[in-house]
PDB file of N, CA and C in Angstrom:
ATOM      1  N   MET A   1     -13.142   0.665  15.712  1.00  0.00           N
ATOM      2  CA  MET A   1     -12.305   0.134  14.649  1.00  0.00           C
ATOM      3  C   MET A   1     -12.780   0.732  13.327  1.00  0.00           C
ATOM      4  N   SER A   2     -11.839   1.113  12.499  1.00  0.00           N
ATOM      5  CA  SER A   2     -12.184   1.615  11.171  1.00  0.00           C
ATOM      6  C   SER A   2     -11.165   1.105  10.160  1.00  0.00           C
ATOM      7  N   TYR A   3     -11.571   1.124   8.909  1.00  0.00           N
ATOM      8  CA  TYR A   3     -10.691   0.676   7.839  1.00  0.00           C
ATOM      9  C   TYR A   3      -9.747   1.804   7.456  1.00  0.00           C
ATOM     10  N   SER A   4      -8.483   1.497   7.354  1.00  0.00           N
ATOM     11  CA  SER A   4      -7.499   2.490   6.925  1.00  0.00           C
ATOM     12  C   SER A   4      -7.580   2.651   5.409  1.00  0.00           C
ATOM     13  N   PRO A   5      -7.096   3.762   4.886  1.00  0.00           N
ATOM     14  CA  PRO A   5      -7.069   3.926   3.429  1.00  0.00           C
ATOM     15  C   PRO A   5      -6.279   2.808   2.735  1.00  0.00           C
ATOM     16  N   GLU A   6      -5.255   2.282   3.412  1.00  0.00           N
ATOM     17  CA  GLU A   6      -4.458   1.198   2.837  1.00  0.00           C
ATOM     18  C   GLU A   6      -5.286  -0.082   2.691  1.00  0.00           C
ATOM     19  N   LEU A   7      -6.080  -0.397   3.713  1.00  0.00           N
ATOM     20  CA  LEU A   7      -6.929  -1.589   3.643  1.00  0.00           C
ATOM     21  C   LEU A   7      -8.018  -1.428   2.587  1.00  0.00           C
ATOM     22  N   ILE A   8      -8.568  -0.234   2.477  1.00  0.00           N
ATOM     23  CA  ILE A   8      -9.583   0.023   1.443  1.00  0.00           C
ATOM     24  C   ILE A   8      -8.970  -0.194   0.060  1.00  0.00           C
ATOM     25  N   ALA A   9      -7.750   0.294  -0.145  1.00  0.00           N
ATOM     26  CA  ALA A   9      -7.083   0.106  -1.441  1.00  0.00           C
ATOM     27  C   ALA A   9      -6.845  -1.382  -1.711  1.00  0.00           C
ATOM     28  N   GLU A  10      -6.469  -2.139  -0.700  1.00  0.00           N
ATOM     29  CA  GLU A  10      -6.266  -3.578  -0.877  1.00  0.00           C
ATOM     30  C   GLU A  10      -7.581  -4.262  -1.237  1.00  0.00           C
ATOM     31  N   LEU A  11      -8.666  -3.877  -0.592  1.00  0.00           N
ATOM     32  CA  LEU A  11      -9.976  -4.424  -0.937  1.00  0.00           C
ATOM     33  C   LEU A  11     -10.350  -4.078  -2.372  1.00  0.00           C
ATOM     34  N   GLU A  12     -10.044  -2.853  -2.788  1.00  0.00           N
ATOM     35  CA  GLU A  12     -10.334  -2.450  -4.162  1.00  0.00           C
ATOM     36  C   GLU A  12      -9.573  -3.313  -5.164  1.00  0.00           C
ATOM     37  N   VAL A  13      -8.329  -3.625  -4.860  1.00  0.00           N
ATOM     38  CA  VAL A  13      -7.555  -4.495  -5.759  1.00  0.00           C
ATOM     39  C   VAL A  13      -8.170  -5.888  -5.789  1.00  0.00           C
ATOM     40  N   LEU A  14      -8.532  -6.431  -4.639  1.00  0.00           N
ATOM     41  CA  LEU A  14      -9.149  -7.752  -4.602  1.00  0.00           C
ATOM     42  C   LEU A  14     -10.466  -7.783  -5.381  1.00  0.00           C
ATOM     43  N   MET A  15     -11.187  -6.665  -5.407  1.00  0.00           N
ATOM     44  CA  MET A  15     -12.458  -6.596  -6.140  1.00  0.00           C
ATOM     45  C   MET A  15     -12.243  -6.649  -7.656  1.00  0.00           C
ATOM     46  N   LEU A  16     -11.028  -6.411  -8.116  1.00  0.00           N
ATOM     47  CA  LEU A  16     -10.744  -6.431  -9.552  1.00  0.00           C
ATOM     48  C   LEU A  16     -10.696  -7.847 -10.125  1.00  0.00           C
ATOM     49  N   PHE A  17     -10.511  -8.822  -9.278  1.00  0.00           N
ATOM     50  CA  PHE A  17     -10.370 -10.199  -9.751  1.00  0.00           C
ATOM     51  C   PHE A  17     -11.725 -10.794 -10.117  1.00  0.00           C
ATOM     52  N   ASP A  18     -11.737 -11.508 -11.226  1.00  0.00           N
ATOM     53  CA  ASP A  18     -12.922 -12.250 -11.666  1.00  0.00           C
ATOM     54  C   ASP A  18     -12.851 -13.636 -11.031  1.00  0.00           C
ATOM     55  N   LEU A  19     -13.720 -13.877 -10.079  1.00  0.00           N
ATOM     56  CA  LEU A  19     -13.676 -15.136  -9.334  1.00  0.00           C
ATOM     57  C   LEU A  19     -14.303 -16.303 -10.078  1.00  0.00           C
ATOM     58  N   SER A  20     -14.865 -16.059 -11.246  1.00  0.00           N
ATOM     59  CA  SER A  20     -15.475 -17.151 -11.996  1.00  0.00           C
ATOM     60  C   SER A  20     -14.428 -18.004 -12.710  1.00  0.00           C
ATOM     61  N   SER A  21     -13.171 -17.527 -12.742  1.00  0.00           N
ATOM     62  CA  SER A  21     -12.106 -18.291 -13.400  1.00  0.00           C
ATOM     63  C   SER A  21     -10.795 -18.108 -12.653  1.00  0.00           C
ATOM     64  N   THR A  22     -10.136 -19.219 -12.362  1.00  0.00           N
ATOM     65  CA  THR A  22      -8.820 -19.129 -11.717  1.00  0.00           C
ATOM     66  C   THR A  22      -7.729 -18.837 -12.742  1.00  0.00           C
ATOM     67  N   GLN A  23      -8.099 -18.840 -14.026  1.00  0.00           N
ATOM     68  CA  GLN A  23      -7.124 -18.609 -15.095  1.00  0.00           C
ATOM     69  C   GLN A  23      -6.970 -17.130 -15.459  1.00  0.00           C
ATOM     70  N   GLU A  24      -7.738 -16.267 -14.796  1.00  0.00           N
ATOM     71  CA  GLU A  24      -7.661 -14.835 -15.083  1.00  0.00           C
ATOM     72  C   GLU A  24      -7.013 -14.108 -13.925  1.00  0.00           C
ATOM     73  N   GLY A  25      -5.978 -13.364 -14.230  1.00  0.00           N
ATOM     74  CA  GLY A  25      -5.318 -12.550 -13.239  1.00  0.00           C
ATOM     75  C   GLY A  25      -5.529 -11.090 -13.567  1.00  0.00           C
ATOM     76  N   ILE A  26      -4.792 -10.236 -12.884  1.00  0.00           N
ATOM     77  CA  ILE A  26      -4.823  -8.804 -13.182  1.00  0.00           C
ATOM     78  C   ILE A  26      -3.398  -8.295 -13.301  1.00  0.00           C
ATOM     79  N   LYS A  27      -3.258  -7.164 -13.932  1.00  0.00           N
ATOM     80  CA  LYS A  27      -1.967  -6.481 -14.050  1.00  0.00           C
ATOM     81  C   LYS A  27      -2.190  -5.048 -13.621  1.00  0.00           C
ATOM     82  N   VAL A  28      -1.531  -4.625 -12.558  1.00  0.00           N
ATOM     83  CA  VAL A  28      -1.583  -3.239 -12.121  1.00  0.00           C
ATOM     84  C   VAL A  28      -0.435  -2.519 -12.831  1.00  0.00           C
ATOM     85  N   HIS A  29      -0.789  -1.636 -13.738  1.00  0.00           N
ATOM     86  CA  HIS A  29       0.217  -0.957 -14.548  1.00  0.00           C
ATOM     87  C   HIS A  29       0.904   0.168 -13.787  1.00  0.00           C
ATOM     88  N   LYS A  30       2.063   0.563 -14.274  1.00  0.00           N
ATOM     89  CA  LYS A  30       2.827   1.643 -13.657  1.00  0.00           C
ATOM     90  C   LYS A  30       2.069   2.956 -13.648  1.00  0.00           C
ATOM     91  N   THR A  31       1.095   3.098 -14.535  1.00  0.00           N
ATOM     92  CA  THR A  31       0.323   4.335 -14.623  1.00  0.00           C
ATOM     93  C   THR A  31      -0.892   4.337 -13.692  1.00  0.00           C
ATOM     94  N   ALA A  32      -1.099   3.249 -12.956  1.00  0.00           N
ATOM     95  CA  ALA A  32      -2.222   3.185 -12.008  1.00  0.00           C
ATOM     96  C   ALA A  32      -1.972   4.157 -10.859  1.00  0.00           C
ATOM     97  N   GLU A  33      -3.028   4.426 -10.113  1.00  0.00           N
ATOM     98  CA  GLU A  33      -2.902   5.296  -8.945  1.00  0.00           C
ATOM     99  C   GLU A  33      -1.853   4.712  -7.990  1.00  0.00           C
ATOM    100  N   PRO A  34      -1.026   5.566  -7.408  1.00  0.00           N
ATOM    101  CA  PRO A  34       0.020   5.075  -6.499  1.00  0.00           C
ATOM    102  C   PRO A  34      -0.532   4.209  -5.361  1.00  0.00           C
ATOM    103  N   GLU A  35      -1.730   4.537  -4.879  1.00  0.00           N
ATOM    104  CA  GLU A  35      -2.325   3.760  -3.789  1.00  0.00           C
ATOM    105  C   GLU A  35      -2.629   2.330  -4.227  1.00  0.00           C
ATOM    106  N   ILE A  36      -3.039   2.167  -5.486  1.00  0.00           N
ATOM    107  CA  ILE A  36      -3.370   0.839  -6.009  1.00  0.00           C
ATOM    108  C   ILE A  36      -2.095   0.038  -6.252  1.00  0.00           C
ATOM    109  N   ILE A  37      -1.069   0.695  -6.756  1.00  0.00           N
ATOM    110  CA  ILE A  37       0.229   0.033  -6.956  1.00  0.00           C
ATOM    111  C   ILE A  37       0.767  -0.467  -5.620  1.00  0.00           C
ATOM    112  N   ALA A  38       0.707   0.390  -4.605  1.00  0.00           N
ATOM    113  CA  ALA A  38       1.197   0.014  -3.278  1.00  0.00           C
ATOM    114  C   ALA A  38       0.343  -1.100  -2.678  1.00  0.00           C
ATOM    115  N   ALA A  39      -0.973  -1.047  -2.910  1.00  0.00           N
ATOM    116  CA  ALA A  39      -1.865  -2.082  -2.383  1.00  0.00           C
ATOM    117  C   ALA A  39      -1.550  -3.444  -2.999  1.00  0.00           C
ATOM    118  N   ALA A  40      -1.300  -3.466  -4.300  1.00  0.00           N
ATOM    119  CA  ALA A  40      -0.961  -4.732  -4.968  1.00  0.00           C
ATOM    120  C   ALA A  40       0.326  -5.303  -4.388  1.00  0.00           C
ATOM    121  N   LYS A  41       1.300  -4.440  -4.130  1.00  0.00           N
ATOM    122  CA  LYS A  41       2.558  -4.909  -3.535  1.00  0.00           C
ATOM    123  C   LYS A  41       2.319  -5.467  -2.128  1.00  0.00           C
ATOM    124  N   ARG A  42       1.510  -4.779  -1.336  1.00  0.00           N
ATOM    125  CA  ARG A  42       1.219  -5.276   0.015  1.00  0.00           C
ATOM    126  C   ARG A  42       0.499  -6.616  -0.038  1.00  0.00           C
ATOM    127  N   LEU A  43      -0.441  -6.764  -0.978  1.00  0.00           N
ATOM    128  CA  LEU A  43      -1.146  -8.034  -1.114  1.00  0.00           C
ATOM    129  C   LEU A  43      -0.176  -9.153  -1.493  1.00  0.00           C
ATOM    130  N   HIS A  44       0.811  -8.831  -2.321  1.00  0.00           N
ATOM    131  CA  HIS A  44       1.832  -9.822  -2.662  1.00  0.00           C
ATOM    132  C   HIS A  44       2.659 -10.170  -1.428  1.00  0.00           C
ATOM    133  N   ASP A  45       3.077  -9.141  -0.702  1.00  0.00           N
ATOM    134  CA  ASP A  45       3.878  -9.375   0.504  1.00  0.00           C
ATOM    135  C   ASP A  45       3.138 -10.227   1.534  1.00  0.00           C
ATOM    136  N   LYS A  46       1.807 -10.100   1.573  1.00  0.00           N
ATOM    137  CA  LYS A  46       0.981 -10.858   2.518  1.00  0.00           C
ATOM    138  C   LYS A  46       0.612 -12.244   1.990  1.00  0.00           C
ATOM    139  N   GLY A  47       0.966 -12.541   0.733  1.00  0.00           N
ATOM    140  CA  GLY A  47       0.696 -13.857   0.176  1.00  0.00           C
ATOM    141  C   GLY A  47      -0.671 -14.010  -0.472  1.00  0.00           C
ATOM    142  N   PHE A  48      -1.316 -12.900  -0.832  1.00  0.00           N
ATOM    143  CA  PHE A  48      -2.638 -12.962  -1.448  1.00  0.00           C
ATOM    144  C   PHE A  48      -2.582 -13.065  -2.973  1.00  0.00           C
ATOM    145  N   VAL A  49      -1.537 -12.513  -3.575  1.00  0.00           N
ATOM    146  CA  VAL A  49      -1.380 -12.543  -5.033  1.00  0.00           C
ATOM    147  C   VAL A  49       0.024 -13.029  -5.381  1.00  0.00           C
ATOM    148  N   THR A  50       0.183 -13.504  -6.619  1.00  0.00           N
ATOM    149  CA  THR A  50       1.441 -14.140  -7.010  1.00  0.00           C
ATOM    150  C   THR A  50       2.516 -13.173  -7.478  1.00  0.00           C
ATOM    151  N   GLN A  51       2.142 -11.962  -7.853  1.00  0.00           N
ATOM    152  CA  GLN A  51       3.114 -10.997  -8.362  1.00  0.00           C
ATOM    153  C   GLN A  51       2.935  -9.650  -7.655  1.00  0.00           C
ATOM    154  N   VAL A  52       4.000  -8.852  -7.604  1.00  0.00           N
ATOM    155  CA  VAL A  52       3.894  -7.543  -6.949  1.00  0.00           C
ATOM    156  C   VAL A  52       2.956  -6.608  -7.700  1.00  0.00           C
ATOM    157  N   ASP A  53       2.721  -6.870  -8.976  1.00  0.00           N
ATOM    158  CA  ASP A  53       1.804  -6.037  -9.761  1.00  0.00           C
ATOM    159  C   ASP A  53       0.483  -6.757 -10.037  1.00  0.00           C
ATOM    160  N   GLY A  54       0.131  -7.687  -9.191  1.00  0.00           N
ATOM    161  CA  GLY A  54      -1.137  -8.414  -9.334  1.00  0.00           C
ATOM    162  C   GLY A  54      -0.911  -9.884  -9.577  1.00  0.00           C
ATOM    163  N   GLY A  55      -0.969 -10.266 -10.839  1.00  0.00           N
ATOM    164  CA  GLY A  55      -0.819 -11.684 -11.161  1.00  0.00           C
ATOM    165  C   GLY A  55      -2.096 -12.435 -10.879  1.00  0.00           C
ATOM    166  N   TYR A  56      -1.964 -13.575 -10.224  1.00  0.00           N
ATOM    167  CA  TYR A  56      -3.099 -14.426  -9.906  1.00  0.00           C
ATOM    168  C   TYR A  56      -3.307 -14.465  -8.396  1.00  0.00           C
ATOM    169  N   LEU A  57      -4.528 -14.784  -8.004  1.00  0.00           N
ATOM    170  CA  LEU A  57      -4.802 -14.960  -6.588  1.00  0.00           C
ATOM    171  C   LEU A  57      -4.213 -16.276  -6.098  1.00  0.00           C
ATOM    172  N   THR A  58      -3.655 -16.269  -4.910  1.00  0.00           N
ATOM    173  CA  THR A  58      -3.271 -17.506  -4.237  1.00  0.00           C
ATOM    174  C   THR A  58      -4.545 -18.075  -3.603  1.00  0.00           C
ATOM    175  N   SER A  59      -4.449 -19.226  -2.963  1.00  0.00           N
ATOM    176  CA  SER A  59      -5.641 -19.770  -2.299  1.00  0.00           C
ATOM    177  C   SER A  59      -6.116 -18.825  -1.191  1.00  0.00           C
ATOM    178  N   LEU A  60      -5.186 -18.221  -0.477  1.00  0.00           N
ATOM    179  CA  LEU A  60      -5.540 -17.240   0.548  1.00  0.00           C
ATOM    180  C   LEU A  60      -6.193 -16.018  -0.092  1.00  0.00           C
ATOM    181  N   GLY A  61      -5.651 -15.576  -1.213  1.00  0.00           N
ATOM    182  CA  GLY A  61      -6.210 -14.434  -1.924  1.00  0.00           C
ATOM    183  C   GLY A  61      -7.601 -14.713  -2.454  1.00  0.00           C
ATOM    184  N   THR A  62      -7.818 -15.930  -2.941  1.00  0.00           N
ATOM    185  CA  THR A  62      -9.148 -16.298  -3.430  1.00  0.00           C
ATOM    186  C   THR A  62     -10.163 -16.230  -2.301  1.00  0.00           C
ATOM    187  N   GLU A  63      -9.792 -16.759  -1.152  1.00  0.00           N
ATOM    188  CA  GLU A  63     -10.701 -16.718   0.001  1.00  0.00           C
ATOM    189  C   GLU A  63     -11.001 -15.276   0.406  1.00  0.00           C
ATOM    190  N   ALA A  64      -9.970 -14.440   0.453  1.00  0.00           N
ATOM    191  CA  ALA A  64     -10.161 -13.038   0.826  1.00  0.00           C
ATOM    192  C   ALA A  64     -11.025 -12.305  -0.198  1.00  0.00           C
ATOM    193  N   ALA A  65     -10.772 -12.538  -1.482  1.00  0.00           N
ATOM    194  CA  ALA A  65     -11.552 -11.882  -2.531  1.00  0.00           C
ATOM    195  C   ALA A  65     -13.009 -12.322  -2.479  1.00  0.00           C
ATOM    196  N   GLU A  66     -13.250 -13.594  -2.219  1.00  0.00           N
ATOM    197  CA  GLU A  66     -14.629 -14.089  -2.092  1.00  0.00           C
ATOM    198  C   GLU A  66     -15.343 -13.390  -0.945  1.00  0.00           C
ATOM    199  N   HIS A  67     -14.679 -13.297   0.199  1.00  0.00           N
ATOM    200  CA  HIS A  67     -15.287 -12.626   1.350  1.00  0.00           C
ATOM    201  C   HIS A  67     -15.539 -11.150   1.043  1.00  0.00           C
ATOM    202  N   GLY A  68     -14.564 -10.501   0.452  1.00  0.00           N
ATOM    203  CA  GLY A  68     -14.715  -9.081   0.119  1.00  0.00           C
ATOM    204  C   GLY A  68     -15.836  -8.833  -0.859  1.00  0.00           C
ATOM    205  N   GLN A  69     -15.910  -9.652  -1.899  1.00  0.00           N
ATOM    206  CA  GLN A  69     -16.953  -9.475  -2.899  1.00  0.00           C
ATOM    207  C   GLN A  69     -18.330  -9.827  -2.333  1.00  0.00           C
ATOM    208  N   ASN A  70     -18.393 -10.834  -1.465  1.00  0.00           N
ATOM    209  CA  ASN A  70     -19.667 -11.158  -0.810  1.00  0.00           C
ATOM    210  C   ASN A  70     -20.131 -10.030   0.108  1.00  0.00           C
ATOM    211  N   LEU A  71     -19.211  -9.460   0.842  1.00  0.00           N
ATOM    212  CA  LEU A  71     -19.557  -8.333   1.729  1.00  0.00           C
ATOM    213  C   LEU A  71     -20.052  -7.149   0.905  1.00  0.00           C
ATOM    214  N   PHE A  72     -19.383  -6.860  -0.188  1.00  0.00           N
ATOM    215  CA  PHE A  72     -19.809  -5.765  -1.066  1.00  0.00           C
ATOM    216  C   PHE A  72     -21.233  -6.013  -1.569  1.00  0.00           C
ATOM    217  N   THR A  73     -21.506  -7.234  -1.986  1.00  0.00           N
ATOM    218  CA  THR A  73     -22.838  -7.577  -2.478  1.00  0.00           C
ATOM    219  C   THR A  73     -23.888  -7.407  -1.389  1.00  0.00           C
ATOM    220  N   LEU A  74     -23.584  -7.872  -0.185  1.00  0.00           N
ATOM    221  CA  LEU A  74     -24.521  -7.723   0.930  1.00  0.00           C
ATOM    222  C   LEU A  74     -24.799  -6.254   1.253  1.00  0.00           C
ATOM    223  N   LEU A  75     -23.757  -5.449   1.248  1.00  0.00           N
ATOM    224  CA  LEU A  75     -23.912  -4.038   1.614  1.00  0.00           C
ATOM    225  C   LEU A  75     -24.605  -3.216   0.534  1.00  0.00           C
ATOM    226  N   THR A  76     -24.528  -3.660  -0.698  1.00  0.00           N
ATOM    227  CA  THR A  76     -25.109  -2.872  -1.781  1.00  0.00           C
ATOM    228  C   THR A  76     -26.435  -3.426  -2.291  1.00  0.00           C
ATOM    229  N   SER A  77     -26.891  -4.541  -1.749  1.00  0.00           N
ATOM    230  CA  SER A  77     -28.122  -5.159  -2.271  1.00  0.00           C
ATOM    231  C   SER A  77     -29.387  -4.572  -1.646  1.00  0.00           C
ATOM    232  N   GLY A  78     -29.254  -3.808  -0.586  1.00  0.00           N
ATOM    233  CA  GLY A  78     -30.430  -3.297   0.110  1.00  0.00           C
ATOM    234  C   GLY A  78     -30.985  -2.105  -0.544  1.00  0.00           C
TER     235      GLY A  78
END
């Protein structure tokens, strides 16, 4: 099993969220890399974020972002 470039892009978008506040969202601008724009749309379609260009994390998105950020911390702390 390996991560597809699409899943990596989705993880990168989830890493952009500041989990210390539920009042902060993100905006993926039209000038962003096409892969990031597409990832934000897929995350919206899957119910992780509130807008196709980012917005706020849903409860599912918060859980996914927490797991992703924790995994990143574990992998980079050694």
